[in-house]
C-alpha atoms as a PDB file:
ATOM      1  CA  MET A   1     113.504 116.938 101.611  1.00  0.00           C
ATOM      2  CA  HIS A   2     110.908 115.473  99.412  1.00  0.00           C
ATOM      3  CA  ALA A   3     108.559 113.853 101.002  1.00  0.00           C
ATOM      4  CA  GLY A   4     108.179 110.958  98.668  1.00  0.00           C
ATOM      5  CA  ILE A   5     111.733 110.096  98.575  1.00  0.00           C
ATOM      6  CA  VAL A   6     113.980 108.686 101.880  1.00  0.00           C
ATOM      7  CA  TRP A   7     117.684 108.125 101.611  1.00  0.00           C
ATOM      8  CA  GLY A   8     116.945 108.079  98.053  1.00  0.00           C
ATOM      9  CA  VAL A   9     114.497 105.350  97.027  1.00  0.00           C
ATOM     10  CA  SER A  10     111.438 107.047  96.193  1.00  0.00           C
ATOM     11  CA  ASP A  11     107.756 105.256  96.739  1.00  0.00           C
ATOM     12  CA  SER A  12     107.490 103.851  93.466  1.00  0.00           C
ATOM     13  CA  ASP A  13     110.601 102.219  93.744  1.00  0.00           C
ATOM     14  CA  ARG A  14     109.635 100.838  97.049  1.00  0.00           C
ATOM     15  CA  ALA A  15     106.246  99.484  95.860  1.00  0.00           C
ATOM     16  CA  ARG A  16     107.756  98.057  93.340  1.00  0.00           C
ATOM     17  CA  GLU A  17     110.360  96.548  95.519  1.00  0.00           C
ATOM     18  CA  VAL A  18     107.397  95.077  98.054  1.00  0.00           C
ATOM     19  CA  PHE A  19     105.360  94.681  95.174  1.00  0.00           C
ATOM     20  CA  ALA A  20     108.120  91.707  93.707  1.00  0.00           C
ATOM     21  CA  GLU A  21     108.427  90.318  97.379  1.00  0.00           C
ATOM     22  CA  PHE A  22     104.819  89.921  97.872  1.00  0.00           C
ATOM     23  CA  ARG A  23     105.012  87.966  94.063  1.00  0.00           C
ATOM     24  CA  ARG A  24     108.118  85.828  95.232  1.00  0.00           C
ATOM     25  CA  GLY A  25     106.112  84.769  98.353  1.00  0.00           C
ATOM     26  CA  VAL A  26     102.730  83.739  96.858  1.00  0.00           C
ATOM     27  CA  ALA A  27     104.850  82.084  93.871  1.00  0.00           C
ATOM     28  CA  ALA A  28     106.194  79.692  96.984  1.00  0.00           C
ATOM     29  CA  GLN A  29     103.377  79.204  98.844  1.00  0.00           C
ATOM     30  CA  ILE A  30     101.009  77.960  95.695  1.00  0.00           C
ATOM     31  CA  SER A  31     101.299  74.561  94.161  1.00  0.00           C
ATOM     32  CA  PRO A  32     102.510  75.006  89.957  1.00  0.00           C
ATOM     33  CA  ASN A  33      99.382  72.708  89.459  1.00  0.00           C
ATOM     34  CA  ASP A  34      96.838  75.187  91.921  1.00  0.00           C
ATOM     35  CA  VAL A  35      95.396  76.302  88.872  1.00  0.00           C
ATOM     36  CA  ASP A  36      91.872  77.770  90.981  1.00  0.00           C
ATOM     37  CA  THR A  37      94.131  79.796  93.185  1.00  0.00           C
ATOM     38  CA  ARG A  38      96.201  80.853  90.312  1.00  0.00           C
ATOM     39  CA  ARG A  39      93.432  81.861  88.344  1.00  0.00           C
ATOM     40  CA  GLY A  40      92.382  83.817  91.191  1.00  0.00           C
ATOM     41  CA  LEU A  41      95.182  85.833  91.147  1.00  0.00           C
ATOM     42  CA  ALA A  42      95.003  86.581  87.869  1.00  0.00           C
ATOM     43  CA  GLU A  43      91.626  88.038  88.562  1.00  0.00           C
ATOM     44  CA  ALA A  44      93.140  89.819  91.702  1.00  0.00           C
ATOM     45  CA  TYR A  45      95.956  91.417  89.132  1.00  0.00           C
ATOM     46  CA  ALA A  46      93.910  92.288  86.103  1.00  0.00           C
ATOM     47  CA  ASP A  47      91.440  93.698  89.058  1.00  0.00           C
ATOM     48  CA  MET A  48      94.524  96.112  90.022  1.00  0.00           C
ATOM     49  CA  GLY A  49      95.473  96.991  86.557  1.00  0.00           C
ATOM     50  CA  LEU A  50      98.334  94.709  86.032  1.00  0.00           C
ATOM     51  CA  LEU A  51      97.861  93.113  83.062  1.00  0.00           C
ATOM     52  CA  ALA A  52     101.117  91.752  82.318  1.00  0.00           C
ATOM     53  CA  GLU A  53     101.336  89.743  86.030  1.00  0.00           C
ATOM     54  CA  ALA A  54      97.876  88.381  84.988  1.00  0.00           C
ATOM     55  CA  ILE A  55      98.770  86.981  81.886  1.00  0.00           C
ATOM     56  CA  GLU A  56     101.826  85.628  83.285  1.00  0.00           C
ATOM     57  CA  GLU A  57      99.410  84.303  85.484  1.00  0.00           C
ATOM     58  CA  LEU A  58      96.633  82.865  83.789  1.00  0.00           C
ATOM     59  CA  GLN A  59      99.959  81.278  81.089  1.00  0.00           C
ATOM     60  CA  LYS A  60     101.093  79.294  83.932  1.00  0.00           C
ATOM     61  CA  VAL A  61      96.854  77.390  84.817  1.00  0.00           C
ATOM     62  CA  LEU A  62      97.245  77.053  80.455  1.00  0.00           C
ATOM     63  CA  ALA A  63     100.622  75.179  80.770  1.00  0.00           C
ATOM     64  CA  VAL A  64      99.225  72.999  83.407  1.00  0.00           C
ATOM     65  CA  ALA A  65      95.219  72.894  82.665  1.00  0.00           C
ATOM     66  CA  PRO A  66      95.377  73.878  78.691  1.00  0.00           C
ATOM     67  CA  ASP A  67      91.714  73.263  78.572  1.00  0.00           C
ATOM     68  CA  ASP A  68      90.389  75.591  81.574  1.00  0.00           C
ATOM     69  CA  GLU A  69      88.001  77.693  79.742  1.00  0.00           C
ATOM     70  CA  ALA A  70      87.342  80.276  82.168  1.00  0.00           C
ATOM     71  CA  ALA A  71      91.456  80.993  82.102  1.00  0.00           C
ATOM     72  CA  SER A  72      91.624  81.178  78.867  1.00  0.00           C
ATOM     73  CA  THR A  73      88.266  83.971  78.147  1.00  0.00           C
ATOM     74  CA  LEU A  74      90.244  85.680  80.579  1.00  0.00           C
ATOM     75  CA  LEU A  75      93.692  85.798  78.794  1.00  0.00           C
ATOM     76  CA  ARG A  76      91.709  86.629  75.319  1.00  0.00           C
ATOM     77  CA  ARG A  77      89.939  89.695  77.358  1.00  0.00           C
ATOM     78  CA  LEU A  78      93.186  91.079  78.996  1.00  0.00           C
ATOM     79  CA  SER A  79      95.491  90.422  75.511  1.00  0.00           C
ATOM     80  CA  ASP A  80      92.984  92.997  73.924  1.00  0.00           C
ATOM     81  CA  LYS A  81      93.747  95.801  76.776  1.00  0.00           C
ATOM     82  CA  PRO A  82      95.849  97.995  76.764  1.00  0.00           C
ATOM     83  CA  ALA A  83      98.961  97.906  79.484  1.00  0.00           C
ATOM     84  CA  ARG A  84      98.190 100.698  82.258  1.00  0.00           C
ATOM     85  CA  ARG A  85     101.705 102.233  82.513  1.00  0.00           C
END
């Protein structure tokens, strides 16, 4: 048996499951109007190379606070980067 596969679940599959669970937990904890926390989360996602997730959070910020210059700037910067696979 390969060390990365246990009971038919690969490490990457398990990591995706854990991350999805983490995102659900975060979503349940953050108010839709908490733009500071959402912007910070977007920055953390961006630092980890999770561009799609970062962009999603920034779009949520801008839906509530369309004049948020920091979110707009980061969104423009991230939109210009190629997605990491």
